Amino acid sequence: MRQTTGQITRLGTLKTLLQRFAFLSLIALTFALMLIGKADTVLVERARIAITDAVVPILRVLSEPANAIAETIANVRELAAIREQNSSLRDANERLLQWQSIAQRLEAENRSLKALLALVPEPNATFVSARVVGDTGGTFAQSVLITAGSGDGVGKGDVVMTGEGLVGRVLQAGMHSARVLLITDINSRIPVVVGEAGNRAIMVGDNGLRPRLLYVGAKTVVVPGDKITTSGDAEAFPPGLQIGRVARVQDGVVEVEPYMSRDKLQHVRVVNYGLSGILGSPSAALESPK
């Protein structure tokens, strides 16, 4: 029994000596490597490269399972997202099918009502695009010149628009050019609809940046932000053309901020709605000749 205890004691002492020796050996090896690195950098660099070449394949093998797991997790997440998107698309498709059914029913009802009223269909609109090349406006006029005329199908009274909204109407048309009277001109008179309630008014220009609304009903409530569109009254313009929004209401004066900006006019679209002959009518005049 005593012999066994002595052996265990010797083994413990030996283990302690080995640990201390290993610690001292590591310190000595570290200093040795530092000295070698200072003395022979080429040798150290070669050793580092050799160790790197030996370790990289091992790291590559070890990283493959991690990459496979990460890719699997990504695929699972993507599959879940696809399923969720598929469910959302199915719901949207069902709603669209419902709206399609409603639209088809309304279209059939519309055809039936038109046949009942013997309604004459409106002519198809034709248009040409043109570039603004001159601003002939000043203190007493608001007009621009465009690079399209009667030779291109442009006629007096054609509606001129941009992507933002209504610009004006063709006042004079030459062979390859035309003059457009802007909606801000003092001679401009446009029947309009104000807001969602569909209140009627006349928008008049004053050679400024903001036309005004006249003949607004006394009980009509107009607030800034209300949309202004053409009403189609007197067939001066087709209904529903975007013009602008109410900018300010003060002391009974309603100012309109047009969607079109005169300073930014570069290209316009000249549209023939089949209303060119209306321009000369006193009840639907947009302007009077200068």
Protein backbone atom coordinates (compact mmCIF):
# COMPACT_ATOMS: atom_id res chain seq x y z
CA MET A 1 0.00 0.00 0.00
CA ARG A 2 2.82 2.33 0.88
CA GLN A 3 4.56 1.44 -2.39
CA THR A 4 1.50 2.42 -4.40
CA THR A 5 1.20 5.74 -2.61
CA GLY A 6 4.86 6.47 -3.28
CA GLN A 7 4.42 5.73 -6.97
CA ILE A 8 1.46 8.10 -7.19
CA THR A 9 3.48 10.81 -5.45
CA ARG A 10 6.38 10.36 -7.85
CA LEU A 11 4.04 10.47 -10.83
CA GLY A 12 2.49 13.69 -9.59
CA THR A 13 5.92 15.24 -9.09
CA LEU A 14 6.98 14.12 -12.57
CA LYS A 15 3.79 15.57 -14.09
CA THR A 16 4.41 18.90 -12.40
CA LEU A 17 8.01 18.97 -13.67
CA LEU A 18 6.84 18.14 -17.20
CA GLN A 19 4.26 20.93 -17.12
CA ARG A 20 6.84 23.44 -15.97
CA PHE A 21 9.31 22.15 -18.55
CA ALA A 22 6.68 22.39 -21.31
CA PHE A 23 5.83 25.96 -20.31
CA LEU A 24 9.50 26.93 -20.28
CA SER A 25 10.00 25.09 -23.56
CA LEU A 26 7.18 27.04 -25.22
CA ILE A 27 8.66 30.31 -24.00
CA ALA A 28 12.09 29.29 -25.28
CA LEU A 29 10.60 28.18 -28.62
CA THR A 30 8.81 31.52 -28.96
CA PHE A 31 11.99 33.48 -28.38
CA ALA A 32 13.83 31.18 -30.78
CA LEU A 33 11.27 31.74 -33.50
CA MET A 34 11.46 35.49 -32.93
CA LEU A 35 15.22 35.40 -33.25
CA ILE A 36 15.05 33.24 -36.34
CA GLY A 37 12.48 35.59 -37.82
CA LYS A 38 14.76 38.55 -37.25
CA ALA A 39 17.84 36.72 -38.47
CA ASP A 40 16.37 34.95 -41.52
CA THR A 41 13.09 36.37 -42.76
CA VAL A 42 13.21 34.32 -45.96
CA LEU A 43 13.29 31.07 -43.97
CA VAL A 44 10.39 32.18 -41.78
CA GLU A 45 8.35 33.25 -44.82
CA ARG A 46 8.93 29.88 -46.46
CA ALA A 47 7.92 28.09 -43.30
CA ARG A 48 4.77 30.20 -43.04
CA ILE A 49 3.87 29.45 -46.66
CA ALA A 50 4.47 25.75 -46.15
CA ILE A 51 2.29 25.70 -43.03
CA THR A 52 -0.43 27.64 -44.85
CA ASP A 53 -0.35 25.22 -47.80
CA ALA A 54 -0.66 22.32 -45.38
CA VAL A 55 -3.50 23.86 -43.35
CA VAL A 56 -5.67 25.25 -46.18
CA PRO A 57 -6.85 21.83 -47.49
CA ILE A 58 -7.77 20.83 -43.95
CA LEU A 59 -9.73 24.06 -43.44
CA ARG A 60 -11.43 23.56 -46.80
CA VAL A 61 -12.56 20.08 -45.82
CA LEU A 62 -13.75 21.32 -42.44
CA SER A 63 -15.63 24.25 -43.98
CA GLU A 64 -17.61 22.13 -46.45
CA PRO A 65 -20.09 20.82 -43.85
CA ALA A 66 -20.58 24.34 -42.51
CA ASN A 67 -21.21 25.66 -46.02
CA ALA A 68 -23.61 22.81 -46.73
CA ILE A 69 -25.53 23.53 -43.53
CA ALA A 70 -25.67 27.27 -44.31
CA GLU A 71 -26.88 26.57 -47.85
CA THR A 72 -29.53 24.18 -46.52
CA ILE A 73 -30.77 26.79 -44.06
CA ALA A 74 -30.89 29.40 -46.84
CA ASN A 75 -32.86 27.02 -49.07
CA VAL A 76 -35.34 26.32 -46.28
CA ARG A 77 -35.84 30.05 -45.68
CA GLU A 78 -36.25 30.68 -49.39
CA LEU A 79 -38.76 27.85 -49.65
CA ALA A 80 -40.75 29.33 -46.78
CA ALA A 81 -40.69 32.75 -48.46
CA ILE A 82 -41.79 31.21 -51.78
CA ARG A 83 -44.68 29.44 -50.08
CA GLU A 84 -45.78 32.66 -48.40
CA GLN A 85 -45.51 34.57 -51.67
CA ASN A 86 -47.42 31.83 -53.48
CA SER A 87 -50.22 32.03 -50.92
CA SER A 88 -50.33 35.83 -51.31
CA LEU A 89 -50.43 35.52 -55.11
CA ARG A 90 -53.29 33.01 -54.91
CA ASP A 91 -55.29 35.41 -52.76
CA ALA A 92 -54.56 38.28 -55.15
CA ASN A 93 -55.52 36.10 -58.11
CA GLU A 94 -58.84 35.25 -56.50
CA ARG A 95 -59.55 38.93 -55.88
CA LEU A 96 -58.64 39.78 -59.48
CA LEU A 97 -60.92 37.04 -60.77
CA GLN A 98 -63.74 38.52 -58.72
CA TRP A 99 -63.06 41.99 -60.13
CA GLN A 100 -62.84 40.50 -63.64
CA SER A 101 -66.25 38.97 -63.20
CA ILE A 102 -67.65 42.30 -61.98
CA ALA A 103 -65.98 44.18 -64.86
CA GLN A 104 -67.39 41.76 -67.42
CA ARG A 105 -70.87 42.13 -65.95
CA LEU A 106 -70.60 45.92 -65.96
CA GLU A 107 -69.26 45.89 -69.51
CA ALA A 108 -72.24 43.84 -70.68
CA GLU A 109 -74.60 46.17 -68.80
CA ASN A 110 -72.88 49.20 -70.35
CA ARG A 111 -73.26 47.79 -73.85
CA SER A 112 -76.92 47.09 -73.18
CA LEU A 113 -77.55 50.64 -71.91
CA LYS A 114 -75.72 52.19 -74.85
CA ALA A 115 -77.81 50.14 -77.25
CA LEU A 116 -80.95 51.20 -75.37
CA LEU A 117 -80.02 54.90 -75.60
CA ALA A 118 -78.74 54.63 -79.17
CA LEU A 119 -75.61 56.42 -77.91
CA VAL A 120 -73.28 57.78 -80.56
CA PRO A 121 -69.70 56.73 -79.58
CA GLU A 122 -67.07 59.42 -79.16
CA PRO A 123 -64.44 59.62 -81.92
CA ASN A 124 -61.09 58.06 -81.23
CA ALA A 125 -58.47 60.62 -80.26
CA THR A 126 -55.34 61.02 -82.36
CA PHE A 127 -52.16 62.72 -81.23
CA VAL A 128 -48.69 63.81 -82.26
CA SER A 129 -45.72 64.69 -80.09
CA ALA A 130 -43.82 67.95 -80.45
CA ARG A 131 -41.02 69.89 -78.85
CA VAL A 132 -41.37 73.34 -77.32
CA VAL A 133 -38.93 75.65 -79.09
CA GLY A 134 -40.02 79.11 -78.04
CA ASP A 135 -41.84 80.99 -75.33
CA THR A 136 -43.70 83.92 -76.84
CA GLY A 137 -45.33 84.79 -73.55
CA GLY A 138 -44.81 88.00 -71.66
CA THR A 139 -46.67 90.39 -69.45
CA PHE A 140 -49.78 90.31 -71.61
CA ALA A 141 -49.68 86.79 -73.06
CA GLN A 142 -48.93 83.21 -72.05
CA SER A 143 -48.13 81.03 -75.07
CA VAL A 144 -45.40 78.77 -76.49
CA LEU A 145 -44.30 77.62 -79.93
CA ILE A 146 -44.08 73.92 -80.81
CA THR A 147 -42.47 72.01 -83.69
CA ALA A 148 -45.66 70.53 -85.18
CA GLY A 149 -48.20 72.11 -87.49
CA SER A 150 -51.00 71.40 -89.90
CA GLY A 151 -48.63 69.32 -92.02
CA ASP A 152 -48.33 66.96 -89.04
CA GLY A 153 -52.06 66.81 -88.37
CA VAL A 154 -52.19 69.63 -85.81
CA GLY A 155 -55.21 71.93 -86.04
CA LYS A 156 -56.63 74.95 -84.26
CA GLY A 157 -58.34 73.94 -81.01
CA ASP A 158 -56.37 70.73 -80.46
CA VAL A 159 -55.67 69.96 -76.81
CA VAL A 160 -52.04 70.15 -75.68
CA MET A 161 -50.88 68.06 -72.71
CA THR A 162 -47.85 66.71 -70.91
CA GLY A 163 -47.56 63.63 -68.75
CA GLU A 164 -48.47 65.78 -65.74
CA GLY A 165 -51.64 67.36 -67.09
CA LEU A 166 -53.29 69.92 -69.36
CA VAL A 167 -51.10 72.63 -70.93
CA GLY A 168 -53.53 74.50 -73.17
CA ARG A 169 -54.91 74.48 -76.71
CA VAL A 170 -53.56 75.24 -80.15
CA LEU A 171 -54.37 78.85 -81.01
CA GLN A 172 -52.71 79.07 -84.44
CA ALA A 173 -51.27 76.30 -86.64
CA GLY A 174 -48.78 76.83 -89.45
CA MET A 175 -47.47 74.14 -91.76
CA HIS A 176 -44.68 72.96 -89.43
CA SER A 177 -45.25 74.94 -86.24
CA ALA A 178 -48.06 76.04 -83.96
CA ARG A 179 -48.71 78.46 -81.14
CA VAL A 180 -50.21 77.07 -77.96
CA LEU A 181 -52.21 79.26 -75.60
CA LEU A 182 -51.47 78.16 -72.03
CA ILE A 183 -54.10 77.60 -69.37
CA THR A 184 -52.52 80.46 -67.38
CA ASP A 185 -53.24 83.04 -70.11
CA ILE A 186 -55.71 85.79 -69.22
CA ASN A 187 -57.94 84.72 -72.14
CA SER A 188 -58.15 81.09 -70.96
CA ARG A 189 -61.61 79.90 -69.87
CA ILE A 190 -61.98 76.22 -68.95
CA PRO A 191 -65.07 74.51 -67.49
CA VAL A 192 -63.81 72.34 -64.64
CA VAL A 193 -64.87 69.94 -61.91
CA VAL A 194 -63.64 70.65 -58.38
CA GLY A 195 -62.94 67.88 -55.88
CA GLU A 196 -64.57 64.50 -55.42
CA ALA A 197 -68.01 66.08 -55.02
CA GLY A 198 -67.98 67.14 -58.68
CA ASN A 199 -68.72 70.82 -58.14
CA ARG A 200 -68.67 72.85 -61.37
CA ALA A 201 -66.72 76.05 -61.94
CA ILE A 202 -64.80 78.00 -64.58
CA MET A 203 -61.03 78.22 -64.33
CA VAL A 204 -59.64 81.49 -65.71
CA GLY A 205 -56.05 82.54 -66.25
CA ASP A 206 -54.59 85.84 -65.12
CA ASN A 207 -51.15 85.69 -66.79
CA GLY A 208 -49.73 84.54 -63.45
CA LEU A 209 -48.61 81.16 -62.23
CA ARG A 210 -51.95 80.26 -60.64
CA PRO A 211 -55.30 80.46 -62.47
CA ARG A 212 -58.43 81.24 -60.43
CA LEU A 213 -61.84 79.61 -60.12
CA LEU A 214 -64.95 81.64 -60.92
CA TYR A 215 -68.66 80.88 -60.52
CA VAL A 216 -68.07 78.57 -57.58
CA GLY A 217 -71.39 77.93 -55.83
CA ALA A 218 -71.99 79.81 -52.60
CA LYS A 219 -72.60 76.56 -50.75
CA THR A 220 -69.68 74.78 -52.41
CA VAL A 221 -66.90 73.81 -50.03
CA VAL A 222 -63.48 74.11 -51.67
CA VAL A 223 -60.34 73.26 -49.70
CA PRO A 224 -56.65 73.23 -50.65
CA GLY A 225 -55.71 69.94 -52.23
CA ASP A 226 -58.94 69.41 -54.16
CA LYS A 227 -58.26 68.05 -57.63
CA ILE A 228 -59.22 70.10 -60.68
CA THR A 229 -60.22 68.29 -63.89
CA THR A 230 -62.02 69.31 -67.05
CA SER A 231 -65.79 68.90 -66.90
CA GLY A 232 -66.51 68.51 -70.61
CA ASP A 233 -69.21 71.21 -70.46
CA ALA A 234 -69.91 72.94 -73.78
CA GLU A 235 -67.55 70.39 -75.36
CA ALA A 236 -64.66 72.78 -75.02
CA PHE A 237 -62.55 69.94 -73.61
CA PRO A 238 -63.23 66.25 -73.11
CA PRO A 239 -64.10 65.44 -69.49
CA GLY A 240 -61.57 64.11 -66.98
CA LEU A 241 -58.35 65.79 -68.12
CA GLN A 242 -56.07 66.49 -65.17
CA ILE A 243 -55.32 70.19 -64.60
CA GLY A 244 -54.03 70.71 -61.05
CA ARG A 245 -54.99 71.13 -57.41
CA VAL A 246 -56.48 73.92 -55.33
CA ALA A 247 -53.50 75.77 -53.87
CA ARG A 248 -55.16 78.45 -51.72
CA VAL A 249 -58.62 79.66 -50.71
CA GLN A 250 -58.63 83.17 -49.26
CA ASP A 251 -61.36 85.83 -49.11
CA GLY A 252 -63.44 83.96 -51.66
CA VAL A 253 -60.55 83.71 -54.15
CA VAL A 254 -59.65 80.15 -55.13
CA GLU A 255 -56.20 79.71 -56.68
CA VAL A 256 -55.21 76.62 -58.65
CA GLU A 257 -51.71 75.15 -58.85
CA PRO A 258 -51.42 73.54 -62.33
CA TYR A 259 -49.65 70.23 -62.69
CA MET A 260 -47.79 71.56 -65.73
CA SER A 261 -44.87 73.92 -65.16
CA ARG A 262 -44.29 76.54 -67.85
CA ASP A 263 -40.58 76.77 -67.03
CA LYS A 264 -40.12 73.02 -67.54
CA LEU A 265 -42.05 72.56 -70.79
CA GLN A 266 -39.87 70.64 -73.24
CA HIS A 267 -42.06 68.08 -75.00
CA VAL A 268 -45.84 68.06 -75.34
CA ARG A 269 -48.54 65.90 -76.84
CA VAL A 270 -51.06 67.51 -79.18
CA VAL A 271 -54.32 65.56 -79.05
CA ASN A 272 -57.23 65.86 -81.46
CA TYR A 273 -60.45 64.84 -79.67
CA GLY A 274 -62.60 65.90 -82.58
CA LEU A 275 -63.43 69.19 -80.85
CA SER A 276 -61.32 71.54 -82.98
CA GLY A 277 -64.38 73.29 -84.42
CA ILE A 278 -65.63 74.23 -80.96
CA LEU A 279 -62.88 76.79 -80.46
CA GLY A 280 -64.76 79.46 -82.31
CA SER A 281 -67.95 79.00 -80.36
CA PRO A 282 -68.61 81.87 -77.95
CA SER A 283 -70.06 79.58 -75.30
CA ALA A 284 -66.98 77.37 -75.24
CA ALA A 285 -64.24 79.80 -76.15
CA LEU A 286 -60.93 79.15 -74.55
CA GLU A 287 -59.53 82.42 -75.75
CA SER A 288 -60.33 85.42 -77.84
CA PRO A 289 -58.06 86.37 -80.74
CA LYS A 290 -55.38 88.87 -79.89
